[in-house]
Amino acid sequence: MRPISPLLIARLPRRIAACLLSVLFCGTSLCLAQAKPAAGNAPDLLVLSNGDTLHGKLVNAIASKVTFHSDPAGDITLPWSKIRELRCTDIFAVLSKNSGLRTRKQQGAIPAGTLVMHNQELTISPQGAPPLAPIPVAKAQYVVPATTLEKLAISKPSLLTGWGGAATAGATLVTATQNQYTFSGSLSLARVVPAVKWLARRNRSAFDFSGSYGKITQPAYLDPATGTTVAAVITKTAIYHADAERDENFTPRFFALGLTTFDHNYSQNLDLQQIYGGGMGWTAIKTPDQQADLKGTVQYEKQSFLNSSPSANQNLVGSTFSADYSLQLKRFNYSQTLSYIPAFNNSRAYSALETNTLAFPAYKKLSFSVGTDDSYLNDPPASLPPTKRNSFQFTMGLTFAITPKY
């Protein structure tokens, strides 16, 4: 746009010229107001224990780890013990280990304001109120932006959003006197609302699938000693497991659940075991790095077997008692599931399951993982060759992390 010439303004009538000058003055004032930085946008100050000073923005503090962003260094994470002083101009909320935020009403009980950390104590200054009593950093388990707290505390994402987890695939191929191939894979998805560990869980949906399939073939051959043809031999393996679960929390640690599971194990002559049930669960351990859930259900169970008479199939009423444990560290992630499944109307028809997965981060979202799957079926039907009650498999593969999106 071409600037307005002062000479042109002088030639205009006085009222029109006065209006133009007023518009120019208001536009210039607005530009200056926009160029002036707001007080909340001032950089935060971080002073390390050795006296070094960084200017930037506090991202968050989870457990004893503080994440701070500065333009020259990017995101850096360090413990509170390495920090001498921290001053923040943005509004942050501080949650202790006992914070059980679940509703918007409870949100007001969480202290929030600008922060100053000195001598390993956090002083919170709420807007329009005097500073609160200092909080030792050891008791401040989560320090998060107040805007993030406001958004996640009341969020209600759709059922198709927020799913995260991992997909794993592995394969073995051998060509020699015998030919062998094995394929294994798994998919684990979970959707937790809210999506962060520093808020009390309202509900959780989960889906898991794992399977392995393989064959060992011995081609037919001519026995020179007898002149007869030896028939080909084919050995097959197939193990599949799928489950789905829905949890609804009524306190931060207690929840009701509904589940369904499906199992197939060719080595145990198990065509299909299906379970439908519901029960209660308790979160025994919950920290930023690890979580352990104990669950118990009452359920209907149906077992169908291969190569057996229909009378061997069973309709059972029983329970599942299980423990789920997960540990997430920087160098590796570990998860374990233990399940015991008794039947009330047939004391011999019980089963058990143990799965372990250990993943080592390799590159970005890719990890190298190893796992075991140990299942026990106490009452398989008689067959030839005799069926073993225990089935164990060891798997290795490449895992791709699936990041939840909201």
Protein backbone atom coordinates (compact mmCIF):
# COMPACT_ATOMS: atom_id res chain seq x y z
CA MET A 1 0.00 0.00 0.00
CA ARG A 2 1.38 3.46 -0.94
CA PRO A 3 1.78 5.92 1.99
CA ILE A 4 -0.51 8.96 2.11
CA SER A 5 1.39 12.10 1.16
CA PRO A 6 1.27 15.04 3.65
CA LEU A 7 0.82 17.34 0.66
CA LEU A 8 -2.33 15.46 -0.33
CA ILE A 9 -3.71 15.75 3.22
CA ALA A 10 -3.09 19.51 3.18
CA ARG A 11 -5.23 19.89 0.03
CA LEU A 12 -8.21 18.04 1.59
CA PRO A 13 -10.95 19.74 3.62
CA ARG A 14 -10.10 20.09 7.30
CA ARG A 15 -12.66 17.51 8.59
CA ILE A 16 -11.55 14.84 6.13
CA ALA A 17 -7.88 15.53 6.88
CA ALA A 18 -8.53 15.28 10.62
CA CYS A 19 -10.23 11.91 10.14
CA LEU A 20 -7.31 10.56 8.12
CA LEU A 21 -4.79 11.72 10.72
CA SER A 22 -6.83 10.04 13.48
CA VAL A 23 -6.88 6.75 11.57
CA LEU A 24 -3.12 6.91 11.04
CA PHE A 25 -2.49 7.65 14.72
CA CYS A 26 -4.72 4.75 15.89
CA GLY A 27 -3.10 2.32 13.46
CA THR A 28 0.39 3.30 14.64
CA SER A 29 -0.61 2.90 18.30
CA LEU A 30 -2.12 -0.55 17.61
CA CYS A 31 1.07 -1.75 15.89
CA LEU A 32 3.18 -0.56 18.83
CA ALA A 33 0.84 -2.31 21.29
CA GLN A 34 1.10 -5.56 19.34
CA ALA A 35 4.87 -5.31 19.15
CA LYS A 36 5.19 -4.89 22.93
CA PRO A 37 5.61 -8.36 24.55
CA ALA A 38 3.09 -9.45 27.14
CA ALA A 39 4.28 -10.01 30.67
CA GLY A 40 3.38 -13.72 30.51
CA ASN A 41 5.66 -14.19 27.51
CA ALA A 42 8.79 -13.13 29.36
CA PRO A 43 11.40 -15.92 29.45
CA ASP A 44 11.71 -18.15 32.50
CA LEU A 45 14.96 -18.24 34.44
CA LEU A 46 16.82 -21.43 35.36
CA VAL A 47 19.96 -21.30 37.49
CA LEU A 48 21.93 -24.54 37.75
CA SER A 49 23.76 -25.64 40.87
CA ASN A 50 27.10 -24.70 39.24
CA GLY A 51 25.91 -21.13 38.60
CA ASP A 52 25.12 -21.45 34.87
CA THR A 53 22.00 -19.58 33.79
CA LEU A 54 19.46 -20.50 31.11
CA HIS A 55 16.59 -18.43 29.73
CA GLY A 56 13.62 -20.13 28.11
CA LYS A 57 10.42 -21.88 29.17
CA LEU A 58 9.60 -24.55 31.75
CA VAL A 59 7.89 -27.47 29.98
CA ASN A 60 6.95 -29.60 33.00
CA ALA A 61 8.34 -31.50 35.96
CA ILE A 62 7.45 -35.19 36.27
CA ALA A 63 8.49 -36.91 39.50
CA SER A 64 12.03 -35.64 40.11
CA LYS A 65 12.80 -34.75 36.47
CA VAL A 66 12.46 -31.16 35.20
CA THR A 67 12.17 -30.45 31.46
CA PHE A 68 13.23 -26.95 30.40
CA HIS A 69 13.36 -25.53 26.86
CA SER A 70 15.86 -22.93 25.71
CA ASP A 71 16.45 -21.93 22.09
CA PRO A 72 20.23 -22.60 22.11
CA ALA A 73 20.05 -26.01 23.87
CA GLY A 74 16.54 -27.24 23.00
CA ASP A 75 14.76 -29.43 25.59
CA ILE A 76 16.94 -30.46 28.51
CA THR A 77 15.90 -32.76 31.37
CA LEU A 78 17.60 -32.74 34.74
CA PRO A 79 16.74 -33.54 38.37
CA TRP A 80 15.64 -30.94 40.89
CA SER A 81 18.90 -31.52 42.77
CA LYS A 82 20.83 -29.95 39.86
CA ILE A 83 18.78 -26.74 40.01
CA ARG A 84 19.57 -23.87 42.37
CA GLU A 85 16.76 -21.53 41.33
CA LEU A 86 13.81 -21.50 38.92
CA ARG A 87 11.47 -18.59 38.13
CA CYS A 88 8.42 -18.99 35.85
CA THR A 89 6.08 -16.29 34.57
CA ASP A 90 3.43 -18.64 33.14
CA ILE A 91 0.72 -20.26 35.28
CA PHE A 92 1.55 -23.81 36.40
CA ALA A 93 -0.40 -26.31 38.50
CA VAL A 94 1.34 -28.43 41.13
CA LEU A 95 -0.01 -31.92 41.87
CA SER A 96 1.21 -33.99 44.79
CA LYS A 97 1.30 -37.79 45.02
CA ASN A 98 -2.16 -37.75 46.61
CA SER A 99 -3.85 -35.56 44.00
CA GLY A 100 -6.88 -37.40 42.64
CA LEU A 101 -8.30 -34.90 40.17
CA ARG A 102 -11.32 -36.29 38.34
CA THR A 103 -13.82 -33.45 37.79
CA ARG A 104 -13.80 -29.76 36.95
CA LYS A 105 -15.01 -29.02 40.49
CA GLN A 106 -11.96 -30.69 42.01
CA GLN A 107 -9.71 -28.73 39.67
CA GLY A 108 -10.06 -25.65 41.87
CA ALA A 109 -8.39 -27.50 44.75
CA ILE A 110 -5.13 -27.85 42.78
CA PRO A 111 -2.72 -24.98 43.59
CA ALA A 112 -1.79 -22.99 40.49
CA GLY A 113 0.10 -19.77 39.78
CA THR A 114 3.52 -18.42 38.87
CA LEU A 115 6.39 -20.43 40.35
CA VAL A 116 9.62 -19.73 42.16
CA MET A 117 11.88 -22.58 43.24
CA HIS A 118 14.56 -21.76 45.79
CA ASN A 119 16.34 -24.00 48.31
CA GLN A 120 14.49 -27.03 46.90
CA GLU A 121 11.09 -25.51 47.74
CA LEU A 122 8.37 -24.33 45.35
CA THR A 123 6.49 -21.12 46.09
CA ILE A 124 3.23 -20.72 44.17
CA SER A 125 1.76 -17.23 43.64
CA PRO A 126 -1.89 -17.47 42.49
CA GLN A 127 -3.25 -14.58 40.44
CA GLY A 128 -4.71 -11.89 42.68
CA ALA A 129 -3.78 -13.73 45.90
CA PRO A 130 -0.79 -13.87 48.26
CA PRO A 131 1.80 -16.64 47.76
CA LEU A 132 1.01 -20.05 49.20
CA ALA A 133 3.13 -21.90 51.74
CA PRO A 134 6.28 -23.37 50.12
CA ILE A 135 6.08 -26.99 48.91
CA PRO A 136 9.19 -29.22 48.98
CA VAL A 137 10.04 -30.39 45.46
CA ALA A 138 10.04 -33.97 46.75
CA LYS A 139 6.26 -33.69 47.28
CA ALA A 140 5.58 -31.99 43.92
CA GLN A 141 5.17 -35.09 41.80
CA TYR A 142 3.78 -33.23 38.76
CA VAL A 143 4.25 -29.60 37.70
CA VAL A 144 2.27 -28.93 34.52
CA PRO A 145 0.88 -25.90 32.64
CA ALA A 146 -2.50 -24.83 34.01
CA THR A 147 -3.91 -24.62 30.46
CA THR A 148 -3.02 -28.29 29.91
CA LEU A 149 -4.70 -29.22 33.19
CA GLU A 150 -7.83 -27.29 32.20
CA LYS A 151 -7.99 -29.04 28.82
CA LEU A 152 -7.37 -32.62 29.92
CA ALA A 153 -9.37 -32.59 33.16
CA ILE A 154 -12.68 -32.15 31.33
CA SER A 155 -11.85 -33.63 27.91
CA LYS A 156 -14.22 -36.19 26.38
CA PRO A 157 -12.47 -37.55 23.27
CA SER A 158 -14.38 -39.63 20.75
CA LEU A 159 -14.12 -43.41 20.81
CA LEU A 160 -11.94 -43.48 17.68
CA THR A 161 -9.25 -41.10 19.00
CA GLY A 162 -6.49 -41.50 21.56
CA TRP A 163 -5.44 -45.08 20.81
CA GLY A 164 -1.78 -45.86 21.42
CA GLY A 165 0.34 -48.95 21.83
CA ALA A 166 2.73 -51.09 19.82
CA ALA A 167 2.85 -53.51 16.88
CA THR A 168 5.49 -56.29 16.73
CA ALA A 169 6.47 -58.62 13.89
CA GLY A 170 9.04 -61.41 13.55
CA ALA A 171 9.78 -64.31 11.18
CA THR A 172 12.04 -67.38 10.80
CA LEU A 173 12.81 -69.20 7.54
CA VAL A 174 14.96 -72.34 7.18
CA THR A 175 15.58 -74.32 3.97
CA ALA A 176 17.59 -77.55 4.37
CA THR A 177 16.80 -81.26 4.72
CA GLN A 178 13.70 -80.02 6.47
CA ASN A 179 11.95 -76.81 5.53
CA GLN A 180 10.75 -74.55 8.32
CA TYR A 181 9.01 -71.21 8.54
CA THR A 182 7.49 -69.36 11.48
CA PHE A 183 5.70 -66.03 11.63
CA SER A 184 4.84 -64.21 14.84
CA GLY A 185 3.29 -60.87 15.60
CA SER A 186 1.30 -58.89 18.11
CA LEU A 187 -0.78 -55.74 18.35
CA SER A 188 -1.51 -53.97 21.63
CA LEU A 189 -3.72 -50.88 21.77
CA ALA A 190 -5.02 -48.88 24.73
CA ARG A 191 -7.03 -45.71 25.12
CA VAL A 192 -6.90 -43.96 28.50
CA VAL A 193 -9.01 -40.93 29.47
CA PRO A 194 -7.47 -38.56 30.50
CA ALA A 195 -4.41 -39.23 28.35
CA VAL A 196 -1.78 -38.38 30.99
CA LYS A 197 -0.62 -40.23 34.09
CA TRP A 198 -0.75 -37.17 36.34
CA LEU A 199 -4.57 -37.12 36.27
CA ALA A 200 -6.79 -39.76 37.83
CA ARG A 201 -8.01 -42.23 35.20
CA ARG A 202 -11.73 -42.04 34.33
CA ASN A 203 -11.86 -44.97 31.93
CA ARG A 204 -9.66 -47.23 29.85
CA SER A 205 -10.27 -49.35 26.75
CA ALA A 206 -7.77 -51.99 25.60
CA PHE A 207 -7.37 -54.50 22.79
CA ASP A 208 -4.60 -57.09 22.42
CA PHE A 209 -3.77 -59.70 19.81
CA SER A 210 -0.79 -62.04 19.59
CA GLY A 211 -0.13 -65.03 17.42
CA SER A 212 2.45 -67.34 15.93
CA TYR A 213 2.10 -69.76 13.05
CA GLY A 214 4.67 -72.16 11.64
CA LYS A 215 5.35 -75.40 9.82
CA ILE A 216 8.19 -77.91 9.63
CA THR A 217 8.01 -80.13 6.56
CA GLN A 218 10.03 -83.25 5.78
CA PRO A 219 9.63 -84.06 2.03
CA ALA A 220 8.89 -87.62 0.98
CA TYR A 221 11.99 -89.66 0.06
CA LEU A 222 12.98 -93.12 -1.19
CA ASP A 223 14.60 -95.41 1.39
CA PRO A 224 17.41 -97.19 -0.58
CA ALA A 225 17.66 -99.97 2.00
CA THR A 226 14.06 -101.10 1.58
CA GLY A 227 13.15 -99.53 -1.74
CA THR A 228 10.01 -98.02 -0.23
CA THR A 229 8.91 -94.38 -0.20
CA VAL A 230 8.75 -92.67 3.18
CA ALA A 231 5.76 -90.33 3.34
CA ALA A 232 6.19 -86.61 3.89
CA VAL A 233 5.88 -85.37 7.45
CA ILE A 234 4.31 -82.01 8.31
CA THR A 235 4.46 -80.54 11.80
CA LYS A 236 2.29 -77.50 12.47
CA THR A 237 2.26 -74.92 15.24
CA ALA A 238 -0.41 -72.26 15.78
CA ILE A 239 -1.04 -70.19 18.91
CA TYR A 240 -3.41 -67.19 18.93
CA HIS A 241 -4.69 -64.96 21.71
CA ALA A 242 -7.04 -61.96 21.57
CA ASP A 243 -8.71 -59.96 24.32
CA ALA A 244 -10.65 -56.75 24.85
CA GLU A 245 -11.31 -54.93 28.11
CA ARG A 246 -13.18 -51.84 29.27
CA ASP A 247 -12.48 -50.22 32.67
CA GLU A 248 -14.61 -47.56 34.38
CA ASN A 249 -13.02 -45.91 37.41
CA PHE A 250 -15.15 -44.81 40.34
CA THR A 251 -12.10 -43.83 42.45
CA PRO A 252 -8.51 -43.13 41.28
CA ARG A 253 -7.51 -46.73 42.17
CA PHE A 254 -10.70 -48.85 42.08
CA PHE A 255 -12.53 -49.65 38.86
CA ALA A 256 -15.18 -51.92 37.37
CA LEU A 257 -14.32 -53.89 34.24
CA GLY A 258 -15.79 -56.02 31.49
CA LEU A 259 -13.67 -58.35 29.38
CA THR A 260 -13.69 -60.97 26.67
CA THR A 261 -10.84 -63.27 25.60
CA PHE A 262 -10.27 -65.79 22.83
CA ASP A 263 -7.50 -68.44 22.74
CA HIS A 264 -6.47 -71.04 20.17
CA ASN A 265 -3.57 -73.46 20.71
CA TYR A 266 -3.05 -76.20 18.12
CA SER A 267 -0.34 -77.85 20.24
CA GLN A 268 -2.81 -78.37 23.10
CA ASN A 269 -5.67 -79.44 20.81
CA LEU A 270 -7.53 -76.31 21.90
CA ASP A 271 -9.68 -75.14 19.02
CA LEU A 272 -11.17 -72.16 20.86
CA GLN A 273 -11.51 -71.01 24.44
CA GLN A 274 -13.81 -68.01 24.79
CA ILE A 275 -14.49 -66.04 27.96
CA TYR A 276 -17.07 -63.31 28.70
CA GLY A 277 -17.10 -61.73 32.14
CA GLY A 278 -16.98 -58.72 34.40
CA GLY A 279 -15.58 -57.79 37.78
CA MET A 280 -13.50 -55.35 39.80
CA GLY A 281 -9.93 -54.09 39.71
CA TRP A 282 -7.50 -52.22 41.95
CA THR A 283 -4.42 -50.21 40.95
CA ALA A 284 -1.90 -51.31 43.56
CA ILE A 285 1.06 -49.32 42.19
CA LYS A 286 0.93 -46.10 40.19
CA THR A 287 4.01 -43.94 39.66
CA PRO A 288 5.32 -42.04 36.62
CA ASP A 289 7.47 -45.09 35.71
CA GLN A 290 5.41 -48.11 36.69
CA GLN A 291 1.88 -49.38 37.28
CA ALA A 292 0.40 -52.60 38.63
CA ASP A 293 -3.29 -53.60 38.43
CA LEU A 294 -4.94 -56.51 40.25
CA LYS A 295 -8.23 -57.82 38.80
CA GLY A 296 -10.89 -60.40 39.55
CA THR A 297 -13.92 -61.38 37.46
CA VAL A 298 -16.88 -63.76 37.32
CA GLN A 299 -17.39 -65.19 33.83
CA TYR A 300 -18.81 -67.69 31.38
CA GLU A 301 -16.22 -69.85 29.61
CA LYS A 302 -16.58 -72.23 26.68
CA GLN A 303 -13.88 -74.68 25.53
CA SER A 304 -13.89 -76.46 22.15
CA PHE A 305 -11.20 -79.02 21.29
CA LEU A 306 -9.69 -80.44 18.09
CA ASN A 307 -9.64 -84.13 17.21
CA SER A 308 -11.97 -85.08 20.04
CA SER A 309 -15.57 -86.07 20.55
CA PRO A 310 -18.17 -83.33 21.14
CA SER A 311 -18.52 -84.56 24.72
CA ALA A 312 -15.02 -83.22 25.47
CA ASN A 313 -16.21 -79.65 24.88
CA GLN A 314 -17.16 -77.79 28.05
CA ASN A 315 -19.36 -74.93 29.24
CA LEU A 316 -17.88 -73.51 32.43
CA VAL A 317 -18.64 -70.89 35.03
CA GLY A 318 -15.54 -69.51 36.69
CA SER A 319 -13.29 -66.53 37.32
CA THR A 320 -10.11 -64.86 36.13
CA PHE A 321 -7.65 -63.56 38.72
CA SER A 322 -4.92 -61.54 37.04
CA ALA A 323 -2.08 -59.08 37.65
CA ASP A 324 -0.81 -56.63 35.03
CA TYR A 325 2.52 -54.87 35.55
CA SER A 326 4.34 -52.34 33.35
CA LEU A 327 7.66 -50.53 33.79
CA GLN A 328 8.75 -47.73 31.45
CA LEU A 329 12.33 -46.53 31.65
CA LYS A 330 14.56 -44.64 29.26
CA ARG A 331 16.60 -47.69 28.24
CA PHE A 332 13.86 -50.33 28.15
CA ASN A 333 10.17 -51.07 28.69
CA TYR A 334 8.92 -54.19 30.46
CA SER A 335 5.41 -55.60 30.82
CA GLN A 336 4.08 -58.76 32.45
CA THR A 337 0.66 -60.40 32.76
CA LEU A 338 -0.22 -63.27 35.08
CA SER A 339 -3.64 -64.95 34.94
CA TYR A 340 -5.22 -67.86 36.81
CA ILE A 341 -8.58 -69.12 35.46
CA PRO A 342 -10.45 -71.61 37.69
CA ALA A 343 -13.86 -73.15 36.91
CA PHE A 344 -16.48 -73.52 39.64
CA ASN A 345 -18.48 -76.35 38.02
CA ASN A 346 -15.40 -78.45 37.13
CA SER A 347 -12.45 -78.15 39.49
CA ARG A 348 -10.12 -79.91 37.01
CA ALA A 349 -10.81 -77.49 34.16
CA TYR A 350 -8.50 -74.66 35.18
CA SER A 351 -5.84 -72.85 33.16
CA ALA A 352 -3.09 -70.28 33.66
CA LEU A 353 -1.20 -67.81 31.50
CA GLU A 354 1.98 -65.77 31.81
CA THR A 355 3.31 -63.30 29.23
CA ASN A 356 6.48 -61.19 29.42
CA THR A 357 7.67 -58.53 26.98
CA LEU A 358 10.96 -56.61 27.09
CA ALA A 359 11.55 -53.85 24.51
CA PHE A 360 14.76 -51.89 23.91
CA PRO A 361 14.42 -48.57 22.01
CA ALA A 362 16.46 -48.65 18.81
CA TYR A 363 15.57 -45.76 16.48
CA LYS A 364 12.77 -43.23 16.94
CA LYS A 365 9.57 -45.31 17.25
CA LEU A 366 11.29 -48.63 16.56
CA SER A 367 12.38 -51.04 19.31
CA PHE A 368 13.87 -54.50 19.47
CA SER A 369 11.70 -56.75 21.63
CA VAL A 370 11.86 -60.20 23.15
CA GLY A 371 8.98 -62.00 24.80
CA THR A 372 7.69 -65.22 26.30
CA ASP A 373 4.23 -66.74 26.32
CA ASP A 374 3.63 -69.60 28.76
CA SER A 375 0.17 -71.19 28.92
CA TYR A 376 -1.08 -74.13 31.00
CA LEU A 377 -4.27 -76.10 30.30
CA ASN A 378 -4.95 -78.63 33.05
CA ASP A 379 -7.62 -80.81 31.45
CA PRO A 380 -7.05 -81.32 27.69
CA PRO A 381 -8.82 -84.34 26.17
CA ALA A 382 -6.88 -87.56 25.56
CA SER A 383 -5.23 -87.74 22.13
CA LEU A 384 -2.39 -89.33 20.19
CA PRO A 385 0.32 -88.23 20.39
CA PRO A 386 -0.37 -87.35 24.07
CA THR A 387 -1.09 -83.66 24.56
CA LYS A 388 1.21 -81.75 26.90
CA ARG A 389 -0.55 -79.49 29.34
CA ASN A 390 2.08 -76.77 29.16
CA SER A 391 2.91 -74.67 26.07
CA PHE A 392 5.87 -72.26 26.00
CA GLN A 393 7.06 -69.98 23.23
CA PHE A 394 9.87 -67.45 22.95
CA THR A 395 9.68 -64.68 20.37
CA MET A 396 11.93 -61.92 19.04
CA GLY A 397 10.88 -59.12 16.73
CA LEU A 398 10.85 -55.47 15.77
CA THR A 399 8.31 -53.26 17.55
CA PHE A 400 6.77 -50.05 16.23
CA ALA A 401 5.31 -47.64 18.80
CA ILE A 402 1.86 -46.20 18.05
CA THR A 403 1.47 -42.71 19.50
CA PRO A 404 -2.05 -41.70 20.61
CA LYS A 405 -3.55 -38.66 18.91
CA TYR A 406 -6.34 -36.50 20.34
